[in-house]
Amino acid sequence: MFWQTTRFAIDLMEPRIMGIVNVTPDSFSDGGDCLDPAAALQRCEQLIADGAHILDIGGESTRPGALTLSPMDEWRRLQPVLQVALTLGVPVSVDTCKTEVMARALDLGVDIINDIKALTTPGAEAAVVRHGQCGICLMHMQGDTPATMQQQVQDTDVVGDVLSFLQARVRALQEQGVALQRLTLDPGIGFGKSPEHNVDLMARQSELSILGLPWLLGWSRKSTLGVITGRPVEQRLAASLAAALACITRGASVIRVHDVAETSDALRVWQAAGLVPSRG
């Protein structure tokens, strides 16, 4: 199994680590750390040294209640970081839901579009169709925007909702000629979901495999881990590692994390113990 992206066919026979680079002042756990381009690029280099297989770079916070930037303001944050990150020898993903930002990033040569709105914004499908090789991550979010998503949480069968929504999005892209090898799926932990929803998604993760596509999971430092452990965000490393390993054990192909070095070490031990399932 592989994930086709602009410059790389990413081998998913082994789980891959996606390192988070937030070029933002207000992300929930590391806002402001990489707002300066030089600091962001230093983080990119460090994450690769720590074992990241993919860099995921975002210019707008998607935490609950986050305000929306204009496309130009988001691009001003991203452009200087992306230009250099693309020379570092690993796939580069852009975390955005804005069509204008997608188009500019793809024209620059980025490998993956990671969209919390699963390309439902007008023009988003056309942007990825025009760039016929780029990788795509489709995420499920309940609610309209990060600013309001936690106000719109509904008591539903979250696994059924995720499957139904993402199956429809995959079908829509196939009808536009997008190859399945370009797609990964994300259930959207914490995006318009209650802690109970998130725990249900973890417990029932194996049910998601019926769609037959690789899954990308992002539990790192999430608030539900705080609910489970009682720990504040800066003390959730152990919980994040446990969640990442649980996701991998249940078949996740890519895990999106802040703490790459620690996750890489934990994954090596898990692999040595024979606890990583085979992937076909």
C-alpha atoms as a PDB file:
ATOM      1  CA  MET A   1       0.000   0.000   0.000  1.00  0.00           C
ATOM      2  CA  PHE A   2       1.267   3.478  -0.797  1.00  0.00           C
ATOM      3  CA  TRP A   3       0.024   7.050  -0.683  1.00  0.00           C
ATOM      4  CA  GLN A   4       0.617   8.863  -3.978  1.00  0.00           C
ATOM      5  CA  THR A   5       1.650  12.482  -3.530  1.00  0.00           C
ATOM      6  CA  THR A   6       3.108  15.155  -5.775  1.00  0.00           C
ATOM      7  CA  ARG A   7       6.756  14.082  -5.444  1.00  0.00           C
ATOM      8  CA  PHE A   8       6.635  10.903  -3.382  1.00  0.00           C
ATOM      9  CA  ALA A   9       4.854   7.559  -3.299  1.00  0.00           C
ATOM     10  CA  ILE A  10       4.786   7.110   0.497  1.00  0.00           C
ATOM     11  CA  ASP A  11       5.168   3.462   1.507  1.00  0.00           C
ATOM     12  CA  LEU A  12       2.472   2.658   4.079  1.00  0.00           C
ATOM     13  CA  MET A  13       3.537  -0.920   4.718  1.00  0.00           C
ATOM     14  CA  GLU A  14       4.918   0.535   7.950  1.00  0.00           C
ATOM     15  CA  PRO A  15       3.201   3.318   9.953  1.00  0.00           C
ATOM     16  CA  ARG A  16       4.357   6.840   9.190  1.00  0.00           C
ATOM     17  CA  ILE A  17       4.780   9.820  11.499  1.00  0.00           C
ATOM     18  CA  MET A  18       3.491  13.222  10.375  1.00  0.00           C
ATOM     19  CA  GLY A  19       5.135  16.034  12.332  1.00  0.00           C
ATOM     20  CA  ILE A  20       3.084  19.143  13.113  1.00  0.00           C
ATOM     21  CA  VAL A  21       4.412  22.629  12.314  1.00  0.00           C
ATOM     22  CA  ASN A  22       1.952  25.345  13.371  1.00  0.00           C
ATOM     23  CA  VAL A  23       2.888  28.724  11.900  1.00  0.00           C
ATOM     24  CA  THR A  24       0.288  30.369  14.131  1.00  0.00           C
ATOM     25  CA  PRO A  25       0.029  32.511  17.270  1.00  0.00           C
ATOM     26  CA  ASP A  26      -3.013  30.689  18.676  1.00  0.00           C
ATOM     27  CA  SER A  27      -2.833  26.919  18.178  1.00  0.00           C
ATOM     28  CA  PHE A  28      -4.071  25.126  21.284  1.00  0.00           C
ATOM     29  CA  SER A  29      -0.770  23.697  22.569  1.00  0.00           C
ATOM     30  CA  ASP A  30       2.084  25.432  20.741  1.00  0.00           C
ATOM     31  CA  GLY A  31       0.685  28.707  19.437  1.00  0.00           C
ATOM     32  CA  GLY A  32       3.418  31.264  18.799  1.00  0.00           C
ATOM     33  CA  ASP A  33       6.319  28.803  18.940  1.00  0.00           C
ATOM     34  CA  CYS A  34       6.827  28.818  15.158  1.00  0.00           C
ATOM     35  CA  LEU A  35       5.189  32.059  14.039  1.00  0.00           C
ATOM     36  CA  ASP A  36       8.582  33.374  12.921  1.00  0.00           C
ATOM     37  CA  PRO A  37       9.609  31.645   9.641  1.00  0.00           C
ATOM     38  CA  ALA A  38      13.110  30.945  10.925  1.00  0.00           C
ATOM     39  CA  ALA A  39      11.709  29.217  14.010  1.00  0.00           C
ATOM     40  CA  ALA A  40       9.269  27.257  11.854  1.00  0.00           C
ATOM     41  CA  LEU A  41      12.036  26.030   9.574  1.00  0.00           C
ATOM     42  CA  GLN A  42      14.187  25.109  12.542  1.00  0.00           C
ATOM     43  CA  ARG A  43      11.283  23.021  13.804  1.00  0.00           C
ATOM     44  CA  CYS A  44      10.912  21.366  10.398  1.00  0.00           C
ATOM     45  CA  GLU A  45      14.556  20.342  10.439  1.00  0.00           C
ATOM     46  CA  GLN A  46      14.340  19.112  14.024  1.00  0.00           C
ATOM     47  CA  LEU A  47      11.221  17.044  13.338  1.00  0.00           C
ATOM     48  CA  ILE A  48      12.936  15.328  10.411  1.00  0.00           C
ATOM     49  CA  ALA A  49      15.987  14.602  12.572  1.00  0.00           C
ATOM     50  CA  ASP A  50      13.633  13.210  15.230  1.00  0.00           C
ATOM     51  CA  GLY A  51      12.056  10.776  12.784  1.00  0.00           C
ATOM     52  CA  ALA A  52       9.184  12.541  11.013  1.00  0.00           C
ATOM     53  CA  HIS A  53       8.370  11.001   7.651  1.00  0.00           C
ATOM     54  CA  ILE A  54       6.019  13.853   6.618  1.00  0.00           C
ATOM     55  CA  LEU A  55       5.770  17.535   7.607  1.00  0.00           C
ATOM     56  CA  ASP A  56       2.292  19.028   8.063  1.00  0.00           C
ATOM     57  CA  ILE A  57       2.464  22.816   7.981  1.00  0.00           C
ATOM     58  CA  GLY A  58      -0.505  24.994   8.909  1.00  0.00           C
ATOM     59  CA  GLY A  59      -0.955  28.758   8.917  1.00  0.00           C
ATOM     60  CA  GLU A  60      -4.323  28.970  10.669  1.00  0.00           C
ATOM     61  CA  SER A  61      -5.357  27.473  13.988  1.00  0.00           C
ATOM     62  CA  THR A  62      -8.185  24.924  13.864  1.00  0.00           C
ATOM     63  CA  ARG A  63      -8.639  24.667  17.637  1.00  0.00           C
ATOM     64  CA  PRO A  64     -12.230  24.970  18.923  1.00  0.00           C
ATOM     65  CA  GLY A  65     -13.277  28.615  18.791  1.00  0.00           C
ATOM     66  CA  ALA A  66     -10.435  29.676  16.502  1.00  0.00           C
ATOM     67  CA  LEU A  67     -11.122  32.689  14.302  1.00  0.00           C
ATOM     68  CA  THR A  68     -10.763  32.528  10.522  1.00  0.00           C
ATOM     69  CA  LEU A  69      -7.930  34.261   8.679  1.00  0.00           C
ATOM     70  CA  SER A  70      -8.188  35.753   5.210  1.00  0.00           C
ATOM     71  CA  PRO A  71      -6.573  33.598   2.519  1.00  0.00           C
ATOM     72  CA  MET A  72      -3.860  36.209   1.943  1.00  0.00           C
ATOM     73  CA  ASP A  73      -2.956  36.422   5.633  1.00  0.00           C
ATOM     74  CA  GLU A  74      -2.756  32.635   5.853  1.00  0.00           C
ATOM     75  CA  TRP A  75      -0.587  32.481   2.727  1.00  0.00           C
ATOM     76  CA  ARG A  76       1.782  35.171   4.026  1.00  0.00           C
ATOM     77  CA  ARG A  77       2.512  32.942   7.017  1.00  0.00           C
ATOM     78  CA  LEU A  78       2.925  29.797   4.955  1.00  0.00           C
ATOM     79  CA  GLN A  79       4.844  30.831   1.844  1.00  0.00           C
ATOM     80  CA  PRO A  80       8.341  31.478   3.286  1.00  0.00           C
ATOM     81  CA  VAL A  81       8.186  28.266   5.317  1.00  0.00           C
ATOM     82  CA  LEU A  82       6.916  26.110   2.465  1.00  0.00           C
ATOM     83  CA  GLN A  83       9.532  27.378   0.021  1.00  0.00           C
ATOM     84  CA  VAL A  84      12.335  26.049   2.202  1.00  0.00           C
ATOM     85  CA  ALA A  85      10.517  23.021   3.621  1.00  0.00           C
ATOM     86  CA  LEU A  86      10.133  21.712   0.071  1.00  0.00           C
ATOM     87  CA  THR A  87      13.934  21.424  -0.150  1.00  0.00           C
ATOM     88  CA  LEU A  88      14.292  19.192   2.931  1.00  0.00           C
ATOM     89  CA  GLY A  89      13.721  15.852   1.214  1.00  0.00           C
ATOM     90  CA  VAL A  90      10.444  14.708   2.813  1.00  0.00           C
ATOM     91  CA  PRO A  91       6.797  15.051   1.741  1.00  0.00           C
ATOM     92  CA  VAL A  92       5.259  18.383   2.722  1.00  0.00           C
ATOM     93  CA  SER A  93       1.585  18.652   3.612  1.00  0.00           C
ATOM     94  CA  VAL A  94      -0.376  21.888   3.929  1.00  0.00           C
ATOM     95  CA  ASP A  95      -3.135  21.984   6.536  1.00  0.00           C
ATOM     96  CA  THR A  96      -5.716  24.316   4.973  1.00  0.00           C
ATOM     97  CA  CYS A  97      -9.360  24.456   3.948  1.00  0.00           C
ATOM     98  CA  LYS A  98      -9.081  27.568   1.753  1.00  0.00           C
ATOM     99  CA  THR A  99      -9.182  27.044  -1.999  1.00  0.00           C
ATOM    100  CA  GLU A 100      -6.879  29.987  -2.715  1.00  0.00           C
ATOM    101  CA  VAL A 101      -4.245  28.695  -0.308  1.00  0.00           C
ATOM    102  CA  MET A 102      -4.514  25.175  -1.736  1.00  0.00           C
ATOM    103  CA  ALA A 103      -3.986  26.454  -5.268  1.00  0.00           C
ATOM    104  CA  ARG A 104      -0.962  28.568  -4.333  1.00  0.00           C
ATOM    105  CA  ALA A 105       0.594  25.753  -2.301  1.00  0.00           C
ATOM    106  CA  LEU A 106       0.088  23.223  -5.088  1.00  0.00           C
ATOM    107  CA  ASP A 107       1.556  25.607  -7.644  1.00  0.00           C
ATOM    108  CA  LEU A 108       4.577  25.909  -5.347  1.00  0.00           C
ATOM    109  CA  GLY A 109       4.936  22.111  -5.402  1.00  0.00           C
ATOM    110  CA  VAL A 110       3.582  20.839  -2.070  1.00  0.00           C
ATOM    111  CA  ASP A 111       2.871  17.136  -1.859  1.00  0.00           C
ATOM    112  CA  ILE A 112      -0.345  16.872   0.170  1.00  0.00           C
ATOM    113  CA  ILE A 113      -3.470  18.897   0.925  1.00  0.00           C
ATOM    114  CA  ASN A 114      -4.761  18.106   4.429  1.00  0.00           C
ATOM    115  CA  ASP A 115      -8.272  19.593   4.602  1.00  0.00           C
ATOM    116  CA  ILE A 116     -10.460  19.601   7.721  1.00  0.00           C
ATOM    117  CA  LYS A 117     -13.460  20.246   5.446  1.00  0.00           C
ATOM    118  CA  ALA A 118     -12.721  17.312   3.123  1.00  0.00           C
ATOM    119  CA  LEU A 119     -12.625  19.534  -0.002  1.00  0.00           C
ATOM    120  CA  THR A 120     -16.248  20.668   0.395  1.00  0.00           C
ATOM    121  CA  THR A 121     -15.351  24.357  -0.048  1.00  0.00           C
ATOM    122  CA  PRO A 122     -16.343  25.559  -3.537  1.00  0.00           C
ATOM    123  CA  GLY A 123     -13.375  25.178  -5.878  1.00  0.00           C
ATOM    124  CA  ALA A 124     -11.404  22.827  -3.615  1.00  0.00           C
ATOM    125  CA  GLU A 125     -12.100  19.709  -5.669  1.00  0.00           C
ATOM    126  CA  ALA A 126     -11.066  21.537  -8.834  1.00  0.00           C
ATOM    127  CA  ALA A 127      -7.783  22.604  -7.212  1.00  0.00           C
ATOM    128  CA  VAL A 128      -6.701  19.027  -6.468  1.00  0.00           C
ATOM    129  CA  VAL A 129      -8.009  17.708  -9.787  1.00  0.00           C
ATOM    130  CA  ARG A 130      -5.900  20.275 -11.632  1.00  0.00           C
ATOM    131  CA  HIS A 131      -2.807  18.944  -9.827  1.00  0.00           C
ATOM    132  CA  GLY A 132      -3.246  15.321 -10.793  1.00  0.00           C
ATOM    133  CA  GLN A 133      -0.654  13.777  -8.461  1.00  0.00           C
ATOM    134  CA  CYS A 134      -1.053  15.553  -5.121  1.00  0.00           C
ATOM    135  CA  GLY A 135      -1.937  13.532  -2.042  1.00  0.00           C
ATOM    136  CA  ILE A 136      -5.141  14.353  -0.190  1.00  0.00           C
ATOM    137  CA  CYS A 137      -6.337  13.833   3.366  1.00  0.00           C
ATOM    138  CA  LEU A 138     -10.107  14.068   3.796  1.00  0.00           C
ATOM    139  CA  MET A 139     -11.264  14.777   7.354  1.00  0.00           C
ATOM    140  CA  HIS A 140     -14.665  14.517   9.008  1.00  0.00           C
ATOM    141  CA  MET A 141     -15.797  17.561  10.987  1.00  0.00           C
ATOM    142  CA  GLN A 142     -19.209  17.936  12.556  1.00  0.00           C
ATOM    143  CA  GLY A 143     -20.185  21.603  12.300  1.00  0.00           C
ATOM    144  CA  ASP A 144     -19.399  24.408   9.897  1.00  0.00           C
ATOM    145  CA  THR A 145     -16.138  25.896  11.189  1.00  0.00           C
ATOM    146  CA  PRO A 146     -13.646  25.439  14.041  1.00  0.00           C
ATOM    147  CA  ALA A 147     -15.076  28.633  15.570  1.00  0.00           C
ATOM    148  CA  THR A 148     -18.489  27.007  16.052  1.00  0.00           C
ATOM    149  CA  MET A 149     -17.962  23.237  15.777  1.00  0.00           C
ATOM    150  CA  GLN A 150     -18.078  22.512  19.509  1.00  0.00           C
ATOM    151  CA  GLN A 151     -21.390  24.384  19.742  1.00  0.00           C
ATOM    152  CA  GLN A 152     -22.938  22.013  17.194  1.00  0.00           C
ATOM    153  CA  VAL A 153     -22.066  18.631  18.725  1.00  0.00           C
ATOM    154  CA  GLN A 154     -24.914  16.171  18.279  1.00  0.00           C
ATOM    155  CA  ASP A 155     -25.571  12.868  20.017  1.00  0.00           C
ATOM    156  CA  THR A 156     -25.213  10.539  17.029  1.00  0.00           C
ATOM    157  CA  ASP A 157     -23.541   7.283  16.017  1.00  0.00           C
ATOM    158  CA  VAL A 158     -20.220   8.960  15.371  1.00  0.00           C
ATOM    159  CA  VAL A 159     -18.617   5.974  13.624  1.00  0.00           C
ATOM    160  CA  GLY A 160     -21.570   5.683  11.253  1.00  0.00           C
ATOM    161  CA  ASP A 161     -21.498   9.429  10.590  1.00  0.00           C
ATOM    162  CA  VAL A 162     -17.769   9.396   9.822  1.00  0.00           C
ATOM    163  CA  LEU A 163     -18.083   6.437   7.481  1.00  0.00           C
ATOM    164  CA  SER A 164     -21.105   7.810   5.651  1.00  0.00           C
ATOM    165  CA  PHE A 165     -19.624  11.269   5.158  1.00  0.00           C
ATOM    166  CA  LEU A 166     -16.171  10.150   4.056  1.00  0.00           C
ATOM    167  CA  GLN A 167     -17.548   7.461   1.759  1.00  0.00           C
ATOM    168  CA  ALA A 168     -19.578  10.149  -0.002  1.00  0.00           C
ATOM    169  CA  ARG A 169     -16.526  12.423  -0.290  1.00  0.00           C
ATOM    170  CA  VAL A 170     -14.401   9.609  -1.739  1.00  0.00           C
ATOM    171  CA  ARG A 171     -17.109   8.848  -4.277  1.00  0.00           C
ATOM    172  CA  ALA A 172     -17.343  12.523  -5.272  1.00  0.00           C
ATOM    173  CA  LEU A 173     -13.604  12.723  -5.898  1.00  0.00           C
ATOM    174  CA  GLN A 174     -13.561   9.473  -7.844  1.00  0.00           C
ATOM    175  CA  GLU A 175     -16.209  10.949 -10.109  1.00  0.00           C
ATOM    176  CA  GLN A 176     -13.783  13.832 -10.730  1.00  0.00           C
ATOM    177  CA  GLY A 177     -11.089  11.356 -11.750  1.00  0.00           C
ATOM    178  CA  VAL A 178      -9.061  11.350  -8.513  1.00  0.00           C
ATOM    179  CA  ALA A 179      -7.281   8.013  -8.026  1.00  0.00           C
ATOM    180  CA  LEU A 180      -7.829   6.199  -4.739  1.00  0.00           C
ATOM    181  CA  GLN A 181      -4.050   5.963  -4.247  1.00  0.00           C
ATOM    182  CA  ARG A 182      -4.015   9.716  -3.625  1.00  0.00           C
ATOM    183  CA  LEU A 183      -6.406   9.534  -0.657  1.00  0.00           C
ATOM    184  CA  THR A 184      -6.129   9.075   3.082  1.00  0.00           C
ATOM    185  CA  LEU A 185      -8.958   9.581   5.565  1.00  0.00           C
ATOM    186  CA  ASP A 186      -9.125  11.219   9.004  1.00  0.00           C
ATOM    187  CA  PRO A 187     -12.062  10.737  11.426  1.00  0.00           C
ATOM    188  CA  GLY A 188     -11.405  14.192  12.897  1.00  0.00           C
ATOM    189  CA  ILE A 189     -10.734  13.575  16.575  1.00  0.00           C
ATOM    190  CA  GLY A 190     -12.000  16.615  18.489  1.00  0.00           C
ATOM    191  CA  PHE A 191     -13.608  18.313  15.503  1.00  0.00           C
ATOM    192  CA  GLY A 192     -17.232  18.873  16.498  1.00  0.00           C
ATOM    193  CA  LYS A 193     -17.211  15.804  18.719  1.00  0.00           C
ATOM    194  CA  SER A 194     -17.706  15.171  22.411  1.00  0.00           C
ATOM    195  CA  PRO A 195     -15.100  13.317  24.481  1.00  0.00           C
ATOM    196  CA  GLU A 196     -17.448  10.326  24.359  1.00  0.00           C
ATOM    197  CA  HIS A 197     -17.473  10.509  20.554  1.00  0.00           C
ATOM    198  CA  ASN A 198     -13.681  10.602  20.437  1.00  0.00           C
ATOM    199  CA  VAL A 199     -13.294   7.647  22.790  1.00  0.00           C
ATOM    200  CA  ASP A 200     -15.879   5.736  20.749  1.00  0.00           C
ATOM    201  CA  LEU A 201     -13.858   6.382  17.601  1.00  0.00           C
ATOM    202  CA  MET A 202     -10.757   5.022  19.312  1.00  0.00           C
ATOM    203  CA  ALA A 203     -12.518   1.942  20.650  1.00  0.00           C
ATOM    204  CA  ARG A 204     -14.193   1.192  17.322  1.00  0.00           C
ATOM    205  CA  GLN A 205     -11.388   2.290  15.011  1.00  0.00           C
ATOM    206  CA  SER A 206     -11.174  -1.132  13.369  1.00  0.00           C
ATOM    207  CA  GLU A 207     -14.686  -0.583  11.957  1.00  0.00           C
ATOM    208  CA  LEU A 208     -13.360   2.274   9.839  1.00  0.00           C
ATOM    209  CA  SER A 209     -11.272  -0.140   7.772  1.00  0.00           C
ATOM    210  CA  ILE A 210     -14.318  -1.164   5.720  1.00  0.00           C
ATOM    211  CA  LEU A 211     -13.687   1.778   3.370  1.00  0.00           C
ATOM    212  CA  GLY A 212     -10.429   0.132   2.310  1.00  0.00           C
ATOM    213  CA  LEU A 213      -8.320   3.308   2.417  1.00  0.00           C
ATOM    214  CA  PRO A 214      -5.473   4.289   4.751  1.00  0.00           C
ATOM    215  CA  TRP A 215      -6.328   6.281   7.866  1.00  0.00           C
ATOM    216  CA  LEU A 216      -4.518   9.261   9.341  1.00  0.00           C
ATOM    217  CA  LEU A 217      -5.153   9.864  13.050  1.00  0.00           C
ATOM    218  CA  GLY A 218      -4.399  12.933  15.156  1.00  0.00           C
ATOM    219  CA  TRP A 219      -4.756  12.472  18.922  1.00  0.00           C
ATOM    220  CA  SER A 220      -1.688  14.447  19.951  1.00  0.00           C
ATOM    221  CA  ARG A 221      -2.331  16.552  23.101  1.00  0.00           C
ATOM    222  CA  LYS A 222      -6.094  16.659  22.390  1.00  0.00           C
ATOM    223  CA  SER A 223      -8.530  17.814  25.081  1.00  0.00           C
ATOM    224  CA  THR A 224     -10.162  14.390  25.346  1.00  0.00           C
ATOM    225  CA  LEU A 225      -6.835  13.076  26.631  1.00  0.00           C
ATOM    226  CA  GLY A 226      -7.105  15.754  29.303  1.00  0.00           C
ATOM    227  CA  VAL A 227     -10.603  14.567  30.180  1.00  0.00           C
ATOM    228  CA  ILE A 228      -9.375  10.971  30.471  1.00  0.00           C
ATOM    229  CA  THR A 229      -6.235  11.742  32.487  1.00  0.00           C
ATOM    230  CA  GLY A 230      -7.021  15.028  34.213  1.00  0.00           C
ATOM    231  CA  ARG A 231      -3.784  16.472  32.820  1.00  0.00           C
ATOM    232  CA  PRO A 232      -3.343  19.961  31.306  1.00  0.00           C
ATOM    233  CA  VAL A 233      -2.148  20.196  27.725  1.00  0.00           C
ATOM    234  CA  GLU A 234       1.531  20.548  28.629  1.00  0.00           C
ATOM    235  CA  GLN A 235       1.400  17.249  30.574  1.00  0.00           C
ATOM    236  CA  ARG A 236      -0.223  15.030  27.936  1.00  0.00           C
ATOM    237  CA  LEU A 237       2.843  13.426  26.373  1.00  0.00           C
ATOM    238  CA  ALA A 238       2.292   9.994  27.923  1.00  0.00           C
ATOM    239  CA  ALA A 239      -1.377  10.042  26.996  1.00  0.00           C
ATOM    240  CA  SER A 240      -0.541  11.132  23.441  1.00  0.00           C
ATOM    241  CA  LEU A 241       1.935   8.272  23.038  1.00  0.00           C
ATOM    242  CA  ALA A 242      -0.592   5.767  24.352  1.00  0.00           C
ATOM    243  CA  ALA A 243      -3.229   7.060  21.939  1.00  0.00           C
ATOM    244  CA  ALA A 244      -0.807   6.955  18.990  1.00  0.00           C
ATOM    245  CA  LEU A 245       0.154   3.360  19.719  1.00  0.00           C
ATOM    246  CA  ALA A 246      -3.491   2.376  20.142  1.00  0.00           C
ATOM    247  CA  CYS A 247      -4.263   3.886  16.731  1.00  0.00           C
ATOM    248  CA  ILE A 248      -1.366   2.044  15.101  1.00  0.00           C
ATOM    249  CA  THR A 249      -2.326  -1.251  16.722  1.00  0.00           C
ATOM    250  CA  ARG A 250      -5.804  -0.854  15.243  1.00  0.00           C
ATOM    251  CA  GLY A 251      -4.509  -0.181  11.755  1.00  0.00           C
ATOM    252  CA  ALA A 252      -3.748   3.535  11.353  1.00  0.00           C
ATOM    253  CA  SER A 253      -1.230   4.194   8.574  1.00  0.00           C
ATOM    254  CA  VAL A 254      -0.220   7.749   9.545  1.00  0.00           C
ATOM    255  CA  ILE A 255      -0.183   9.402  12.965  1.00  0.00           C
ATOM    256  CA  ARG A 256      -0.076  13.189  13.214  1.00  0.00           C
ATOM    257  CA  VAL A 257       1.887  14.317  16.285  1.00  0.00           C
ATOM    258  CA  HIS A 258       3.682  17.196  17.967  1.00  0.00           C
ATOM    259  CA  ASP A 259       6.230  15.058  19.840  1.00  0.00           C
ATOM    260  CA  VAL A 260       7.995  13.232  17.017  1.00  0.00           C
ATOM    261  CA  ALA A 261      11.122  11.973  18.807  1.00  0.00           C
ATOM    262  CA  GLU A 262       9.148  10.367  21.632  1.00  0.00           C
ATOM    263  CA  THR A 263       6.586   8.907  19.229  1.00  0.00           C
ATOM    264  CA  SER A 264       9.344   7.491  17.033  1.00  0.00           C
ATOM    265  CA  ASP A 265      10.965   5.803  20.033  1.00  0.00           C
ATOM    266  CA  ALA A 266       7.651   4.350  21.204  1.00  0.00           C
ATOM    267  CA  LEU A 267       6.900   3.076  17.722  1.00  0.00           C
ATOM    268  CA  ARG A 268      10.297   1.367  17.459  1.00  0.00           C
ATOM    269  CA  VAL A 269       9.643  -0.488  20.719  1.00  0.00           C
ATOM    270  CA  TRP A 270       6.142  -1.448  19.521  1.00  0.00           C
ATOM    271  CA  GLN A 271       7.599  -2.778  16.267  1.00  0.00           C
ATOM    272  CA  ALA A 272      10.329  -4.712  18.085  1.00  0.00           C
ATOM    273  CA  ALA A 273       7.643  -6.321  20.242  1.00  0.00           C
ATOM    274  CA  GLY A 274       5.718  -7.385  17.140  1.00  0.00           C
ATOM    275  CA  LEU A 275       2.698  -5.290  18.052  1.00  0.00           C
ATOM    276  CA  VAL A 276       2.368  -3.397  14.753  1.00  0.00           C
ATOM    277  CA  PRO A 277      -0.112  -5.227  12.489  1.00  0.00           C
ATOM    278  CA  SER A 278       0.923  -6.080   8.932  1.00  0.00           C
ATOM    279  CA  ARG A 279      -0.456  -3.837   6.194  1.00  0.00           C
ATOM    280  CA  GLY A 280      -1.301  -4.905   2.688  1.00  0.00           C
END
